[in-house]
Amino acid sequence: MRIHNGMRPQDVVVLLKFISTDEKASLQLSRLSQSLFISVSEISESLNRSKQANLLDYQKKNIMRQNLMEFLVHGVKYVFPQRLGSMVRGMPTAHSHPFIEKYISSEIAYVWPDPQGDRIGLELVPFYEKQVKAAREDDKLYKLLALVDVIRVGKIREINIAVAELKKVLLNES
C-alpha cells in the first residue's frame, strides 16, 4: 500500500472534471490528460492520492461525492489557501464568474491570470498552470472551479451561496 503524502492542488481539478463530465466516460486517463492538459502519469498519481484520501472508491471508478463536498466546504481553503495577488488581466473567477456575479456583487473583480483574458482584476492563483486552458474548454468545470474559489476567498454569505450551488451539482440537492 502506498503512503499518502497529501493532496496536490491539481487533484481538486481532476475530481471536479469527473463531476463536470459523465464520470464513467471520463475514467480514461488519456481523455482526462487531454482535457486537463496534465500528463497521463500525473492523472494516475492524482487518482491514487484521491483514493487514499477517500475521495474516490477503491476501484477509482466513483467519486465519493459526500466526502468531496465536505473537503471542498471545510478543507480546501486550509489545504490550498488562496493568496490574492496584484491587479492583472485574466479570466473571471470566484465572485466575477458570469454565473456567480448574478448572486454576489463585488466591487473588485477576481481573475486567473491569462494574457487573453477579458477582465482586469485581483489575481487568484489557479490550482495548476493549465487550469485556465482547461476551464475555457469546459463551462461546467469552469463554474465548479469558480464556486470553489468563492469558498476560498469569500465571506460567510458568499460561501453559503457557493456551497448551495455545489450541493446542487455534487449531491443533486435543490
C-alpha atoms as a PDB file:
ATOM      1  CA  MET A   1       0.000   0.000   0.000  1.00  0.00           C
ATOM      2  CA  ARG A   2       1.239   3.453  -0.883  1.00  0.00           C
ATOM      3  CA  ILE A   3       1.942   6.088   1.703  1.00  0.00           C
ATOM      4  CA  HIS A   4      -0.383   9.060   1.375  1.00  0.00           C
ATOM      5  CA  ASN A   5       1.739  12.194   1.164  1.00  0.00           C
ATOM      6  CA  GLY A   6      -1.211  14.537   0.849  1.00  0.00           C
ATOM      7  CA  MET A   7      -3.225  16.041  -1.931  1.00  0.00           C
ATOM      8  CA  ARG A   8      -1.885  18.352  -4.603  1.00  0.00           C
ATOM      9  CA  PRO A   9      -3.851  21.323  -5.903  1.00  0.00           C
ATOM     10  CA  GLN A  10      -4.483  19.773  -9.338  1.00  0.00           C
ATOM     11  CA  ASP A  11      -6.218  16.827  -7.606  1.00  0.00           C
ATOM     12  CA  VAL A  12      -9.180  19.118  -6.908  1.00  0.00           C
ATOM     13  CA  VAL A  13      -9.418  19.926 -10.615  1.00  0.00           C
ATOM     14  CA  VAL A  14      -9.185  16.261 -11.635  1.00  0.00           C
ATOM     15  CA  LEU A  15     -12.062  15.378  -9.292  1.00  0.00           C
ATOM     16  CA  LEU A  16     -14.170  18.298 -10.491  1.00  0.00           C
ATOM     17  CA  LYS A  17     -13.521  17.242 -14.085  1.00  0.00           C
ATOM     18  CA  PHE A  18     -15.059  13.866 -13.215  1.00  0.00           C
ATOM     19  CA  ILE A  19     -18.116  15.727 -11.943  1.00  0.00           C
ATOM     20  CA  SER A  20     -18.320  18.024 -14.969  1.00  0.00           C
ATOM     21  CA  THR A  21     -18.496  15.077 -17.357  1.00  0.00           C
ATOM     22  CA  ASP A  22     -20.018  11.641 -17.211  1.00  0.00           C
ATOM     23  CA  GLU A  23     -17.847  10.045 -14.518  1.00  0.00           C
ATOM     24  CA  LYS A  24     -17.663   6.663 -16.285  1.00  0.00           C
ATOM     25  CA  ALA A  25     -16.712   8.205 -19.616  1.00  0.00           C
ATOM     26  CA  SER A  26     -14.008  10.362 -18.067  1.00  0.00           C
ATOM     27  CA  LEU A  27     -12.207   7.409 -16.498  1.00  0.00           C
ATOM     28  CA  GLN A  28      -9.960   7.043 -19.500  1.00  0.00           C
ATOM     29  CA  LEU A  29      -6.679   8.509 -18.357  1.00  0.00           C
ATOM     30  CA  SER A  30      -5.818   9.714 -21.847  1.00  0.00           C
ATOM     31  CA  ARG A  31      -9.122  11.602 -22.117  1.00  0.00           C
ATOM     32  CA  LEU A  32      -8.578  13.268 -18.730  1.00  0.00           C
ATOM     33  CA  SER A  33      -4.996  14.054 -19.662  1.00  0.00           C
ATOM     34  CA  GLN A  34      -6.005  15.717 -22.927  1.00  0.00           C
ATOM     35  CA  SER A  35      -8.875  17.718 -21.457  1.00  0.00           C
ATOM     36  CA  LEU A  36      -6.903  18.959 -18.429  1.00  0.00           C
ATOM     37  CA  PHE A  37      -3.506  19.334 -20.140  1.00  0.00           C
ATOM     38  CA  ILE A  38      -1.868  17.170 -17.459  1.00  0.00           C
ATOM     39  CA  SER A  39       0.291  14.137 -18.236  1.00  0.00           C
ATOM     40  CA  VAL A  40      -1.259  10.663 -18.015  1.00  0.00           C
ATOM     41  CA  SER A  41       1.176   9.690 -15.251  1.00  0.00           C
ATOM     42  CA  GLU A  42       0.184  12.739 -13.171  1.00  0.00           C
ATOM     43  CA  ILE A  43      -3.519  11.933 -13.685  1.00  0.00           C
ATOM     44  CA  SER A  44      -2.830   8.399 -12.465  1.00  0.00           C
ATOM     45  CA  GLU A  45      -0.980   9.698  -9.402  1.00  0.00           C
ATOM     46  CA  SER A  46      -3.793  12.176  -8.739  1.00  0.00           C
ATOM     47  CA  LEU A  47      -6.370   9.381  -8.775  1.00  0.00           C
ATOM     48  CA  ASN A  48      -4.226   7.370  -6.368  1.00  0.00           C
ATOM     49  CA  ARG A  49      -3.962  10.321  -3.974  1.00  0.00           C
ATOM     50  CA  SER A  50      -7.717  10.884  -4.157  1.00  0.00           C
ATOM     51  CA  LYS A  51      -8.354   7.210  -3.430  1.00  0.00           C
ATOM     52  CA  GLN A  52      -6.050   7.374  -0.404  1.00  0.00           C
ATOM     53  CA  ALA A  53      -7.921  10.469   0.800  1.00  0.00           C
ATOM     54  CA  ASN A  54     -11.273   8.614   0.494  1.00  0.00           C
ATOM     55  CA  LEU A  55     -12.456  10.904  -2.277  1.00  0.00           C
ATOM     56  CA  LEU A  56     -12.579   8.042  -4.807  1.00  0.00           C
ATOM     57  CA  ASP A  57     -13.777   4.492  -4.229  1.00  0.00           C
ATOM     58  CA  TYR A  58     -11.368   1.557  -4.042  1.00  0.00           C
ATOM     59  CA  GLN A  59     -11.554   0.817  -7.794  1.00  0.00           C
ATOM     60  CA  LYS A  60     -11.145   4.538  -8.599  1.00  0.00           C
ATOM     61  CA  LYS A  61     -14.394   4.439 -10.576  1.00  0.00           C
ATOM     62  CA  ASN A  62     -16.737   6.589  -8.498  1.00  0.00           C
ATOM     63  CA  ILE A  63     -16.279   9.828  -6.640  1.00  0.00           C
ATOM     64  CA  MET A  64     -17.272   9.727  -3.000  1.00  0.00           C
ATOM     65  CA  ARG A  65     -19.423  12.811  -3.539  1.00  0.00           C
ATOM     66  CA  GLN A  66     -20.308  13.470   0.097  1.00  0.00           C
ATOM     67  CA  ASN A  67     -16.624  13.231   1.087  1.00  0.00           C
ATOM     68  CA  LEU A  68     -15.626  15.550  -1.758  1.00  0.00           C
ATOM     69  CA  MET A  69     -18.313  18.020  -0.728  1.00  0.00           C
ATOM     70  CA  GLU A  70     -17.055  18.014   2.869  1.00  0.00           C
ATOM     71  CA  PHE A  71     -13.482  18.518   1.676  1.00  0.00           C
ATOM     72  CA  LEU A  72     -14.433  21.415  -0.610  1.00  0.00           C
ATOM     73  CA  VAL A  73     -16.533  23.146   2.049  1.00  0.00           C
ATOM     74  CA  HIS A  74     -14.382  22.560   5.110  1.00  0.00           C
ATOM     75  CA  GLY A  75     -10.865  21.723   3.953  1.00  0.00           C
ATOM     76  CA  VAL A  76      -9.847  23.190   0.632  1.00  0.00           C
ATOM     77  CA  LYS A  77      -9.353  26.751   1.906  1.00  0.00           C
ATOM     78  CA  TYR A  78      -6.958  25.432   4.569  1.00  0.00           C
ATOM     79  CA  VAL A  79      -5.117  22.853   2.480  1.00  0.00           C
ATOM     80  CA  PHE A  80      -4.809  25.162  -0.552  1.00  0.00           C
ATOM     81  CA  PRO A  81      -5.176  28.709   0.834  1.00  0.00           C
ATOM     82  CA  GLN A  82      -5.673  31.433  -1.713  1.00  0.00           C
ATOM     83  CA  ARG A  83      -3.288  34.344  -1.688  1.00  0.00           C
ATOM     84  CA  LEU A  84      -4.532  37.384  -3.542  1.00  0.00           C
ATOM     85  CA  GLY A  85      -2.055  38.873  -5.970  1.00  0.00           C
ATOM     86  CA  SER A  86      -1.867  42.135  -7.836  1.00  0.00           C
ATOM     87  CA  MET A  87      -4.186  43.524 -10.499  1.00  0.00           C
ATOM     88  CA  VAL A  88      -3.782  41.520 -13.718  1.00  0.00           C
ATOM     89  CA  ARG A  89      -5.605  40.694 -16.932  1.00  0.00           C
ATOM     90  CA  GLY A  90      -7.312  37.342 -16.787  1.00  0.00           C
ATOM     91  CA  MET A  91     -10.291  35.009 -16.849  1.00  0.00           C
ATOM     92  CA  PRO A  92     -13.010  35.907 -14.294  1.00  0.00           C
ATOM     93  CA  THR A  93     -13.379  33.567 -11.316  1.00  0.00           C
ATOM     94  CA  ALA A  94     -14.959  33.490  -7.857  1.00  0.00           C
ATOM     95  CA  HIS A  95     -17.395  36.421  -7.479  1.00  0.00           C
ATOM     96  CA  SER A  96     -16.618  37.601 -11.033  1.00  0.00           C
ATOM     97  CA  HIS A  97     -17.640  34.379 -12.823  1.00  0.00           C
ATOM     98  CA  PRO A  98     -20.643  35.195 -15.080  1.00  0.00           C
ATOM     99  CA  PHE A  99     -22.972  32.789 -13.218  1.00  0.00           C
ATOM    100  CA  ILE A 100     -21.887  33.781  -9.727  1.00  0.00           C
ATOM    101  CA  GLU A 101     -21.984  37.554 -10.212  1.00  0.00           C
ATOM    102  CA  LYS A 102     -25.765  37.243 -10.607  1.00  0.00           C
ATOM    103  CA  TYR A 103     -25.908  36.343  -6.901  1.00  0.00           C
ATOM    104  CA  ILE A 104     -22.875  38.059  -5.418  1.00  0.00           C
ATOM    105  CA  SER A 105     -21.892  41.639  -6.119  1.00  0.00           C
ATOM    106  CA  SER A 106     -18.307  42.663  -5.660  1.00  0.00           C
ATOM    107  CA  GLU A 107     -16.514  45.927  -6.287  1.00  0.00           C
ATOM    108  CA  ILE A 108     -13.353  44.017  -7.128  1.00  0.00           C
ATOM    109  CA  ALA A 109     -13.064  41.546  -9.973  1.00  0.00           C
ATOM    110  CA  TYR A 110     -11.199  38.292  -9.306  1.00  0.00           C
ATOM    111  CA  VAL A 111      -9.326  36.646 -12.177  1.00  0.00           C
ATOM    112  CA  TRP A 112      -6.994  33.781 -13.000  1.00  0.00           C
ATOM    113  CA  PRO A 113      -4.012  35.347 -14.806  1.00  0.00           C
ATOM    114  CA  ASP A 114      -4.384  34.972 -18.555  1.00  0.00           C
ATOM    115  CA  PRO A 115      -2.989  37.317 -21.222  1.00  0.00           C
ATOM    116  CA  GLN A 116      -6.033  36.511 -23.397  1.00  0.00           C
ATOM    117  CA  GLY A 117      -8.433  37.322 -20.562  1.00  0.00           C
ATOM    118  CA  ASP A 118     -11.141  39.912 -20.947  1.00  0.00           C
ATOM    119  CA  ARG A 119     -11.136  41.367 -17.399  1.00  0.00           C
ATOM    120  CA  ILE A 120      -8.720  43.203 -15.179  1.00  0.00           C
ATOM    121  CA  GLY A 121      -8.920  42.102 -11.591  1.00  0.00           C
ATOM    122  CA  LEU A 122      -7.252  40.834  -8.461  1.00  0.00           C
ATOM    123  CA  GLU A 123      -5.157  37.776  -9.236  1.00  0.00           C
ATOM    124  CA  LEU A 124      -6.256  34.413  -7.812  1.00  0.00           C
ATOM    125  CA  VAL A 125      -3.642  31.764  -8.461  1.00  0.00           C
ATOM    126  CA  PRO A 126      -5.196  28.736 -10.221  1.00  0.00           C
ATOM    127  CA  PHE A 127      -4.760  25.239  -8.795  1.00  0.00           C
ATOM    128  CA  TYR A 128      -2.311  24.418 -11.597  1.00  0.00           C
ATOM    129  CA  GLU A 129      -0.668  26.074 -14.582  1.00  0.00           C
ATOM    130  CA  LYS A 130      -3.031  24.945 -17.395  1.00  0.00           C
ATOM    131  CA  GLN A 131      -6.267  25.367 -15.441  1.00  0.00           C
ATOM    132  CA  VAL A 132      -7.404  28.402 -17.439  1.00  0.00           C
ATOM    133  CA  LYS A 133      -6.997  26.490 -20.694  1.00  0.00           C
ATOM    134  CA  ALA A 134      -8.965  23.510 -19.322  1.00  0.00           C
ATOM    135  CA  ALA A 135     -11.721  25.754 -17.906  1.00  0.00           C
ATOM    136  CA  ARG A 136     -12.036  27.592 -21.202  1.00  0.00           C
ATOM    137  CA  GLU A 137     -12.940  24.272 -22.874  1.00  0.00           C
ATOM    138  CA  ASP A 138     -15.440  23.070 -20.239  1.00  0.00           C
ATOM    139  CA  ASP A 139     -18.037  25.542 -18.935  1.00  0.00           C
ATOM    140  CA  LYS A 140     -19.253  23.237 -16.162  1.00  0.00           C
ATOM    141  CA  LEU A 141     -15.698  22.695 -14.881  1.00  0.00           C
ATOM    142  CA  TYR A 142     -15.145  26.455 -15.058  1.00  0.00           C
ATOM    143  CA  LYS A 143     -18.256  27.106 -12.936  1.00  0.00           C
ATOM    144  CA  LEU A 144     -17.273  24.457 -10.354  1.00  0.00           C
ATOM    145  CA  LEU A 145     -13.758  25.883 -10.023  1.00  0.00           C
ATOM    146  CA  ALA A 146     -15.149  29.408  -9.631  1.00  0.00           C
ATOM    147  CA  LEU A 147     -17.512  28.180  -6.888  1.00  0.00           C
ATOM    148  CA  VAL A 148     -14.557  26.621  -5.072  1.00  0.00           C
ATOM    149  CA  ASP A 149     -12.711  29.933  -5.395  1.00  0.00           C
ATOM    150  CA  VAL A 150     -15.668  31.666  -3.706  1.00  0.00           C
ATOM    151  CA  ILE A 151     -15.246  29.244  -0.795  1.00  0.00           C
ATOM    152  CA  ARG A 152     -11.542  30.062  -0.684  1.00  0.00           C
ATOM    153  CA  VAL A 153     -11.873  33.883  -0.698  1.00  0.00           C
ATOM    154  CA  GLY A 154     -15.482  34.727   0.145  1.00  0.00           C
ATOM    155  CA  LYS A 155     -17.286  35.904   3.234  1.00  0.00           C
ATOM    156  CA  ILE A 156     -19.865  33.730   5.008  1.00  0.00           C
ATOM    157  CA  ARG A 157     -22.904  34.803   2.954  1.00  0.00           C
ATOM    158  CA  GLU A 158     -20.987  34.359  -0.295  1.00  0.00           C
ATOM    159  CA  ILE A 159     -19.654  30.975   0.797  1.00  0.00           C
ATOM    160  CA  ASN A 160     -23.181  29.839   1.666  1.00  0.00           C
ATOM    161  CA  ILE A 161     -24.351  30.691  -1.852  1.00  0.00           C
ATOM    162  CA  ALA A 162     -21.411  28.788  -3.393  1.00  0.00           C
ATOM    163  CA  VAL A 163     -21.978  25.773  -1.111  1.00  0.00           C
ATOM    164  CA  ALA A 164     -25.684  25.631  -2.017  1.00  0.00           C
ATOM    165  CA  GLU A 165     -24.805  25.646  -5.713  1.00  0.00           C
ATOM    166  CA  LEU A 166     -22.107  22.984  -5.255  1.00  0.00           C
ATOM    167  CA  LYS A 167     -24.622  20.788  -3.413  1.00  0.00           C
ATOM    168  CA  LYS A 168     -26.967  21.029  -6.394  1.00  0.00           C
ATOM    169  CA  VAL A 169     -24.242  19.717  -8.682  1.00  0.00           C
ATOM    170  CA  LEU A 170     -22.388  17.255  -6.439  1.00  0.00           C
ATOM    171  CA  LEU A 171     -25.233  15.887  -4.326  1.00  0.00           C
ATOM    172  CA  ASN A 172     -28.210  16.564  -6.622  1.00  0.00           C
ATOM    173  CA  GLU A 173     -29.848  18.718  -3.951  1.00  0.00           C
ATOM    174  CA  SER A 174     -32.157  21.537  -4.920  1.00  0.00           C
END
